[in-house]
Amino acid sequence: MILVWRLRKIWECIGITNKYVEETKPWNLAKEEKQEELRAFIRLLVEAIRKISEEISAFMPKTAESIFSS
């Protein structure tokens, strides 16, 4: 039961991260040359991906390793 809960939380985090990308529209930040906002977006996104890779390591170790090493 704890594993199911943990997986739900991981997917929730992935969903929130995806929504953040869709709402922020980093491609528009790049087009509009909003460099500082784009850098802040990228920093936050990289941190979210790093955290997600840590969380999935128990379930998908090779995938997590691949994400973390990229």
N, C-alpha and C. Protein backbone atom coordinates (compact mmCIF):
# COMPACT_ATOMS: atom_id res chain seq x y z
N MET A 1 0.82 -1.20 0.00
CA MET A 1 0.00 0.00 0.00
C MET A 1 0.86 1.26 0.00
N ILE A 2 1.96 1.22 0.73
CA ILE A 2 2.86 2.37 0.77
C ILE A 2 3.48 2.61 -0.60
N LEU A 3 3.79 1.53 -1.32
CA LEU A 3 4.37 1.67 -2.65
C LEU A 3 3.39 2.34 -3.61
N VAL A 4 2.13 1.97 -3.52
CA VAL A 4 1.11 2.57 -4.37
C VAL A 4 1.00 4.06 -4.07
N TRP A 5 1.00 4.41 -2.80
CA TRP A 5 0.94 5.81 -2.39
C TRP A 5 2.15 6.58 -2.92
N ARG A 6 3.32 5.97 -2.79
CA ARG A 6 4.55 6.61 -3.24
C ARG A 6 4.52 6.83 -4.75
N LEU A 7 4.08 5.83 -5.49
CA LEU A 7 3.98 5.97 -6.94
C LEU A 7 2.98 7.06 -7.32
N ARG A 8 1.89 7.15 -6.60
CA ARG A 8 0.91 8.21 -6.86
C ARG A 8 1.53 9.59 -6.65
N LYS A 9 2.31 9.71 -5.60
CA LYS A 9 2.96 10.99 -5.31
C LYS A 9 3.98 11.34 -6.39
N ILE A 10 4.71 10.33 -6.88
CA ILE A 10 5.66 10.57 -7.97
C ILE A 10 4.93 11.06 -9.21
N TRP A 11 3.84 10.37 -9.57
CA TRP A 11 3.07 10.78 -10.74
C TRP A 11 2.45 12.16 -10.55
N GLU A 12 2.07 12.47 -9.33
CA GLU A 12 1.53 13.80 -9.04
C GLU A 12 2.61 14.86 -9.30
N CYS A 13 3.80 14.59 -8.86
CA CYS A 13 4.93 15.51 -9.08
C CYS A 13 5.22 15.66 -10.57
N ILE A 14 5.18 14.55 -11.30
CA ILE A 14 5.38 14.61 -12.75
C ILE A 14 4.29 15.46 -13.39
N GLY A 15 3.06 15.28 -12.97
CA GLY A 15 1.95 16.06 -13.51
C GLY A 15 2.10 17.54 -13.23
N ILE A 16 2.50 17.89 -12.02
CA ILE A 16 2.72 19.28 -11.65
C ILE A 16 3.84 19.88 -12.49
N THR A 17 4.90 19.11 -12.68
CA THR A 17 6.03 19.57 -13.49
C THR A 17 5.59 19.80 -14.93
N ASN A 18 4.83 18.87 -15.47
CA ASN A 18 4.33 19.01 -16.83
C ASN A 18 3.44 20.25 -16.97
N LYS A 19 2.57 20.46 -15.99
CA LYS A 19 1.69 21.63 -16.02
C LYS A 19 2.52 22.92 -15.96
N TYR A 20 3.57 22.91 -15.18
CA TYR A 20 4.47 24.07 -15.08
C TYR A 20 5.08 24.39 -16.45
N VAL A 21 5.51 23.36 -17.16
CA VAL A 21 6.08 23.56 -18.50
C VAL A 21 5.02 24.15 -19.44
N GLU A 22 3.85 23.56 -19.42
CA GLU A 22 2.78 24.03 -20.31
C GLU A 22 2.35 25.46 -20.00
N GLU A 23 2.31 25.82 -18.73
CA GLU A 23 1.87 27.17 -18.36
C GLU A 23 2.97 28.21 -18.56
N THR A 24 4.20 27.82 -18.33
CA THR A 24 5.31 28.76 -18.46
C THR A 24 5.68 29.01 -19.91
N LYS A 25 5.51 27.99 -20.74
CA LYS A 25 5.83 28.08 -22.16
C LYS A 25 7.25 28.61 -22.37
N PRO A 26 8.25 27.81 -22.00
CA PRO A 26 9.64 28.28 -22.10
C PRO A 26 10.04 28.65 -23.52
N TRP A 27 9.41 28.06 -24.51
CA TRP A 27 9.71 28.40 -25.90
C TRP A 27 9.37 29.86 -26.17
N ASN A 28 8.33 30.37 -25.51
CA ASN A 28 7.99 31.79 -25.66
C ASN A 28 8.99 32.68 -24.92
N LEU A 29 9.46 32.21 -23.76
CA LEU A 29 10.48 32.97 -23.05
C LEU A 29 11.73 33.12 -23.91
N ALA A 30 12.09 32.05 -24.61
CA ALA A 30 13.26 32.10 -25.49
C ALA A 30 13.03 33.05 -26.65
N LYS A 31 11.85 32.98 -27.26
CA LYS A 31 11.53 33.87 -28.39
C LYS A 31 11.52 35.34 -27.97
N GLU A 32 11.01 35.58 -26.77
CA GLU A 32 10.91 36.95 -26.27
C GLU A 32 12.19 37.43 -25.61
N GLU A 33 13.21 36.58 -25.64
CA GLU A 33 14.51 36.88 -25.06
C GLU A 33 14.43 37.28 -23.58
N LYS A 34 13.60 36.60 -22.86
CA LYS A 34 13.49 36.80 -21.41
C LYS A 34 14.47 35.82 -20.74
N GLN A 35 15.74 36.16 -20.85
CA GLN A 35 16.81 35.25 -20.45
C GLN A 35 16.78 34.89 -18.96
N GLU A 36 16.57 35.84 -18.10
CA GLU A 36 16.58 35.55 -16.67
C GLU A 36 15.42 34.64 -16.28
N GLU A 37 14.24 34.90 -16.84
CA GLU A 37 13.08 34.05 -16.56
C GLU A 37 13.31 32.64 -17.12
N LEU A 38 13.92 32.55 -18.29
CA LEU A 38 14.21 31.26 -18.88
C LEU A 38 15.23 30.49 -18.04
N ARG A 39 16.25 31.17 -17.56
CA ARG A 39 17.24 30.51 -16.69
C ARG A 39 16.59 30.00 -15.41
N ALA A 40 15.72 30.81 -14.82
CA ALA A 40 15.03 30.39 -13.59
C ALA A 40 14.14 29.18 -13.88
N PHE A 41 13.45 29.20 -15.01
CA PHE A 41 12.62 28.07 -15.40
C PHE A 41 13.46 26.80 -15.54
N ILE A 42 14.57 26.90 -16.23
CA ILE A 42 15.42 25.74 -16.46
C ILE A 42 15.98 25.21 -15.14
N ARG A 43 16.41 26.10 -14.26
CA ARG A 43 16.93 25.65 -12.95
C ARG A 43 15.87 24.86 -12.19
N LEU A 44 14.66 25.37 -12.16
CA LEU A 44 13.58 24.69 -11.44
C LEU A 44 13.22 23.36 -12.09
N LEU A 45 13.18 23.35 -13.42
CA LEU A 45 12.86 22.13 -14.14
C LEU A 45 13.92 21.05 -13.92
N VAL A 46 15.18 21.44 -13.97
CA VAL A 46 16.27 20.48 -13.74
C VAL A 46 16.17 19.91 -12.33
N GLU A 47 15.88 20.74 -11.36
CA GLU A 47 15.74 20.27 -9.98
C GLU A 47 14.56 19.31 -9.85
N ALA A 48 13.45 19.61 -10.50
CA ALA A 48 12.29 18.71 -10.46
C ALA A 48 12.63 17.36 -11.09
N ILE A 49 13.31 17.39 -12.23
CA ILE A 49 13.69 16.13 -12.89
C ILE A 49 14.67 15.35 -12.03
N ARG A 50 15.61 16.03 -11.38
CA ARG A 50 16.55 15.36 -10.49
C ARG A 50 15.81 14.67 -9.35
N LYS A 51 14.88 15.38 -8.75
CA LYS A 51 14.12 14.82 -7.63
C LYS A 51 13.26 13.64 -8.08
N ILE A 52 12.63 13.77 -9.22
CA ILE A 52 11.82 12.67 -9.75
C ILE A 52 12.70 11.45 -10.02
N SER A 53 13.89 11.66 -10.58
CA SER A 53 14.77 10.52 -10.84
C SER A 53 15.18 9.83 -9.54
N GLU A 54 15.39 10.60 -8.48
CA GLU A 54 15.69 10.00 -7.17
C GLU A 54 14.52 9.15 -6.69
N GLU A 55 13.31 9.69 -6.84
CA GLU A 55 12.13 9.01 -6.34
C GLU A 55 11.79 7.74 -7.12
N ILE A 56 12.07 7.71 -8.42
CA ILE A 56 11.74 6.52 -9.20
C ILE A 56 12.83 5.45 -9.14
N SER A 57 13.95 5.77 -8.52
CA SER A 57 15.08 4.83 -8.51
C SER A 57 14.73 3.48 -7.89
N ALA A 58 13.85 3.46 -6.92
CA ALA A 58 13.46 2.19 -6.30
C ALA A 58 12.61 1.33 -7.24
N PHE A 59 11.94 1.96 -8.17
CA PHE A 59 11.05 1.26 -9.08
C PHE A 59 11.66 1.02 -10.45
N MET A 60 12.46 1.97 -10.89
CA MET A 60 13.07 1.92 -12.22
C MET A 60 14.53 2.37 -12.13
N PRO A 61 15.38 1.55 -11.55
CA PRO A 61 16.75 1.99 -11.27
C PRO A 61 17.55 2.39 -12.51
N LYS A 62 17.42 1.65 -13.60
CA LYS A 62 18.18 1.99 -14.81
C LYS A 62 17.69 3.29 -15.42
N THR A 63 16.39 3.50 -15.41
CA THR A 63 15.83 4.76 -15.93
C THR A 63 16.28 5.93 -15.07
N ALA A 64 16.20 5.76 -13.78
CA ALA A 64 16.63 6.82 -12.87
C ALA A 64 18.10 7.14 -13.06
N GLU A 65 18.92 6.12 -13.21
CA GLU A 65 20.35 6.32 -13.43
C GLU A 65 20.60 7.07 -14.74
N SER A 66 19.86 6.69 -15.77
CA SER A 66 19.99 7.36 -17.06
C SER A 66 19.60 8.83 -16.97
N ILE A 67 18.52 9.12 -16.29
CA ILE A 67 18.09 10.51 -16.11
C ILE A 67 19.13 11.29 -15.31
N PHE A 68 19.58 10.69 -14.24
CA PHE A 68 20.50 11.38 -13.33
C PHE A 68 21.83 11.64 -14.00
N SER A 69 22.28 10.76 -14.86
CA SER A 69 23.59 10.93 -15.49
C SER A 69 23.56 11.86 -16.70
N SER A 70 22.37 12.22 -17.13
CA SER A 70 22.28 13.08 -18.34
C SER A 70 22.56 14.53 -18.05
